[in-house]
């Protein structure tokens, strides 16, 4: 039977939002995945972003490596946007982010650590 444990992002201090203060790669660290490599150990990562600026901004999520990127435009002053909908990661891979304008995007989220 699988065990799900909801945990905070490892790049967040005390569950606070993470400021995307990088404008290029490598981005700011959001989360480092579980170290296991078996089919029974994963982190299911959920991320939301909010843009505090008055203009839409590009956000790039580096998913475990700098060549595997998720790119999205975050609308200006529009509230939270889901940017990673529960994708899984393991093997201590790192999720990082950078934005079109440093320190204007905040990231919040959590992960479900799945252990069997």
C-alpha atoms as a PDB file:
ATOM      1  CA  UNK A   1       0.000   0.000   0.000  1.00  0.00           C
ATOM      2  CA  UNK A   2       1.406   3.401  -0.968  1.00  0.00           C
ATOM      3  CA  UNK A   3       2.002   6.098   1.626  1.00  0.00           C
ATOM      4  CA  UNK A   4       1.356   9.733   0.663  1.00  0.00           C
ATOM      5  CA  UNK A   5       2.911  12.437   2.800  1.00  0.00           C
ATOM      6  CA  UNK A   6       2.218  16.101   2.021  1.00  0.00           C
ATOM      7  CA  UNK A   7       5.428  18.120   2.453  1.00  0.00           C
ATOM      8  CA  UNK A   8       6.542  21.673   1.783  1.00  0.00           C
ATOM      9  CA  UNK A   9       8.838  22.607  -1.053  1.00  0.00           C
ATOM     10  CA  UNK A  10      12.451  22.067  -0.017  1.00  0.00           C
ATOM     11  CA  UNK A  11      13.392  25.487  -1.453  1.00  0.00           C
ATOM     12  CA  UNK A  12      10.906  27.242   0.824  1.00  0.00           C
ATOM     13  CA  UNK A  13      11.730  28.425   4.321  1.00  0.00           C
ATOM     14  CA  UNK A  14       8.914  27.487   6.707  1.00  0.00           C
ATOM     15  CA  UNK A  15       6.361  27.170   3.909  1.00  0.00           C
ATOM     16  CA  UNK A  16       6.828  30.756   2.694  1.00  0.00           C
ATOM     17  CA  UNK A  17       6.443  31.702  -0.942  1.00  0.00           C
ATOM     18  CA  UNK A  18       9.603  31.557  -3.037  1.00  0.00           C
ATOM     19  CA  UNK A  19      10.630  34.730  -4.864  1.00  0.00           C
ATOM     20  CA  UNK A  20      11.820  33.998  -8.370  1.00  0.00           C
ATOM     21  CA  UNK A  21      14.811  36.328  -8.129  1.00  0.00           C
ATOM     22  CA  UNK A  22      16.661  34.836 -11.093  1.00  0.00           C
ATOM     23  CA  UNK A  23      16.138  36.207 -14.597  1.00  0.00           C
ATOM     24  CA  UNK A  24      18.063  33.436 -16.379  1.00  0.00           C
ATOM     25  CA  UNK A  25      19.295  29.880 -15.971  1.00  0.00           C
ATOM     26  CA  UNK A  26      20.125  28.415 -13.571  1.00  0.00           C
ATOM     27  CA  UNK A  27      17.019  29.492 -11.735  1.00  0.00           C
ATOM     28  CA  UNK A  28      16.202  29.668  -8.048  1.00  0.00           C
ATOM     29  CA  UNK A  29      15.717  26.248  -6.414  1.00  0.00           C
ATOM     30  CA  UNK A  30      12.088  25.380  -5.709  1.00  0.00           C
ATOM     31  CA  UNK A  31      12.335  21.714  -4.731  1.00  0.00           C
ATOM     32  CA  UNK A  32      14.722  18.762  -4.666  1.00  0.00           C
ATOM     33  CA  UNK A  33      12.983  15.438  -5.252  1.00  0.00           C
ATOM     34  CA  UNK A  34      13.193  12.270  -3.189  1.00  0.00           C
ATOM     35  CA  UNK A  35      16.507  10.434  -3.641  1.00  0.00           C
ATOM     36  CA  UNK A  36      15.107   7.026  -4.596  1.00  0.00           C
ATOM     37  CA  UNK A  37      15.058   5.677  -8.140  1.00  0.00           C
ATOM     38  CA  UNK A  38      12.627   2.795  -7.805  1.00  0.00           C
ATOM     39  CA  UNK A  39       9.064   2.753  -9.093  1.00  0.00           C
ATOM     40  CA  UNK A  40       7.873   3.097  -5.498  1.00  0.00           C
ATOM     41  CA  UNK A  41       9.406   6.501  -4.627  1.00  0.00           C
ATOM     42  CA  UNK A  42       8.269   9.766  -6.200  1.00  0.00           C
ATOM     43  CA  UNK A  43       7.485  13.367  -5.382  1.00  0.00           C
ATOM     44  CA  UNK A  44       4.259  14.647  -6.936  1.00  0.00           C
ATOM     45  CA  UNK A  45       4.954  18.384  -7.280  1.00  0.00           C
ATOM     46  CA  UNK A  46       2.254  21.079  -7.345  1.00  0.00           C
ATOM     47  CA  UNK A  47       3.254  24.698  -8.061  1.00  0.00           C
ATOM     48  CA  UNK A  48       1.332  27.960  -8.390  1.00  0.00           C
ATOM     49  CA  UNK A  49       2.735  31.334  -9.462  1.00  0.00           C
ATOM     50  CA  UNK A  50       1.586  34.899  -8.958  1.00  0.00           C
ATOM     51  CA  UNK A  51       2.927  37.928 -10.824  1.00  0.00           C
ATOM     52  CA  UNK A  52       3.150  41.168  -8.828  1.00  0.00           C
ATOM     53  CA  UNK A  53       4.103  43.370 -11.787  1.00  0.00           C
ATOM     54  CA  UNK A  54       1.802  45.374 -14.030  1.00  0.00           C
ATOM     55  CA  UNK A  55       2.880  43.394 -17.141  1.00  0.00           C
ATOM     56  CA  UNK A  56       2.587  39.733 -18.065  1.00  0.00           C
ATOM     57  CA  UNK A  57       5.883  37.906 -17.461  1.00  0.00           C
ATOM     58  CA  UNK A  58       7.465  34.748 -18.798  1.00  0.00           C
ATOM     59  CA  UNK A  59       8.203  32.028 -16.251  1.00  0.00           C
ATOM     60  CA  UNK A  60      10.499  29.102 -16.966  1.00  0.00           C
ATOM     61  CA  UNK A  61      10.490  26.013 -14.757  1.00  0.00           C
ATOM     62  CA  UNK A  62      13.625  23.877 -15.131  1.00  0.00           C
ATOM     63  CA  UNK A  63      12.345  20.362 -14.500  1.00  0.00           C
ATOM     64  CA  UNK A  64      15.275  18.316 -13.223  1.00  0.00           C
ATOM     65  CA  UNK A  65      17.694  19.739 -15.785  1.00  0.00           C
ATOM     66  CA  UNK A  66      18.239  22.978 -17.672  1.00  0.00           C
ATOM     67  CA  UNK A  67      17.248  21.396 -21.004  1.00  0.00           C
ATOM     68  CA  UNK A  68      13.851  20.170 -19.789  1.00  0.00           C
ATOM     69  CA  UNK A  69      11.878  23.385 -19.349  1.00  0.00           C
ATOM     70  CA  UNK A  70       8.238  24.248 -18.856  1.00  0.00           C
ATOM     71  CA  UNK A  71       7.522  27.750 -20.124  1.00  0.00           C
ATOM     72  CA  UNK A  72       4.443  29.787 -19.366  1.00  0.00           C
ATOM     73  CA  UNK A  73       3.304  33.408 -19.353  1.00  0.00           C
ATOM     74  CA  UNK A  74       1.985  34.560 -15.989  1.00  0.00           C
ATOM     75  CA  UNK A  75      -0.655  37.291 -16.353  1.00  0.00           C
ATOM     76  CA  UNK A  76      -0.163  40.589 -14.515  1.00  0.00           C
ATOM     77  CA  UNK A  77      -1.881  41.024 -11.143  1.00  0.00           C
ATOM     78  CA  UNK A  78      -4.341  38.187 -11.790  1.00  0.00           C
ATOM     79  CA  UNK A  79      -3.964  35.940  -8.777  1.00  0.00           C
ATOM     80  CA  UNK A  80      -2.493  32.464  -8.581  1.00  0.00           C
ATOM     81  CA  UNK A  81      -1.898  30.430 -11.761  1.00  0.00           C
ATOM     82  CA  UNK A  82      -1.303  26.692 -11.656  1.00  0.00           C
ATOM     83  CA  UNK A  83       2.065  26.070 -13.346  1.00  0.00           C
ATOM     84  CA  UNK A  84       2.877  22.450 -12.383  1.00  0.00           C
ATOM     85  CA  UNK A  85      -0.174  20.180 -11.947  1.00  0.00           C
ATOM     86  CA  UNK A  86       1.140  17.284  -9.878  1.00  0.00           C
ATOM     87  CA  UNK A  87       3.949  16.050 -12.121  1.00  0.00           C
ATOM     88  CA  UNK A  88       6.239  13.421 -10.632  1.00  0.00           C
ATOM     89  CA  UNK A  89       9.998  13.523 -10.081  1.00  0.00           C
ATOM     90  CA  UNK A  90      12.609  11.447  -8.254  1.00  0.00           C
ATOM     91  CA  UNK A  91      16.364  10.697  -8.070  1.00  0.00           C
ATOM     92  CA  UNK A  92      17.212  13.963  -6.241  1.00  0.00           C
ATOM     93  CA  UNK A  93      16.450  15.964  -9.389  1.00  0.00           C
ATOM     94  CA  UNK A  94      15.977  19.674  -8.760  1.00  0.00           C
ATOM     95  CA  UNK A  95      13.121  21.930  -9.871  1.00  0.00           C
ATOM     96  CA  UNK A  96      14.258  25.517 -10.487  1.00  0.00           C
ATOM     97  CA  UNK A  97      12.604  28.644 -11.869  1.00  0.00           C
ATOM     98  CA  UNK A  98      13.519  31.939 -13.474  1.00  0.00           C
ATOM     99  CA  UNK A  99      11.361  34.781 -14.693  1.00  0.00           C
ATOM    100  CA  UNK A 100      11.278  37.517 -17.289  1.00  0.00           C
ATOM    101  CA  UNK A 101      11.834  40.122 -14.582  1.00  0.00           C
ATOM    102  CA  UNK A 102      13.667  39.109 -11.409  1.00  0.00           C
ATOM    103  CA  UNK A 103      11.711  39.213  -8.119  1.00  0.00           C
ATOM    104  CA  UNK A 104       8.284  39.908  -9.623  1.00  0.00           C
ATOM    105  CA  UNK A 105       6.979  36.314  -9.530  1.00  0.00           C
ATOM    106  CA  UNK A 106       6.255  34.337  -6.367  1.00  0.00           C
ATOM    107  CA  UNK A 107       5.929  30.546  -6.319  1.00  0.00           C
ATOM    108  CA  UNK A 108       3.913  28.582  -3.798  1.00  0.00           C
ATOM    109  CA  UNK A 109       3.149  24.912  -3.596  1.00  0.00           C
ATOM    110  CA  UNK A 110       3.755  21.551  -2.013  1.00  0.00           C
ATOM    111  CA  UNK A 111       4.525  18.009  -2.959  1.00  0.00           C
ATOM    112  CA  UNK A 112       3.027  14.661  -2.117  1.00  0.00           C
ATOM    113  CA  UNK A 113       5.876  12.301  -1.284  1.00  0.00           C
ATOM    114  CA  UNK A 114       4.800   8.872  -2.481  1.00  0.00           C
ATOM    115  CA  UNK A 115       6.514   5.904  -0.834  1.00  0.00           C
ATOM    116  CA  UNK A 116       5.607   2.275  -1.148  1.00  0.00           C
END
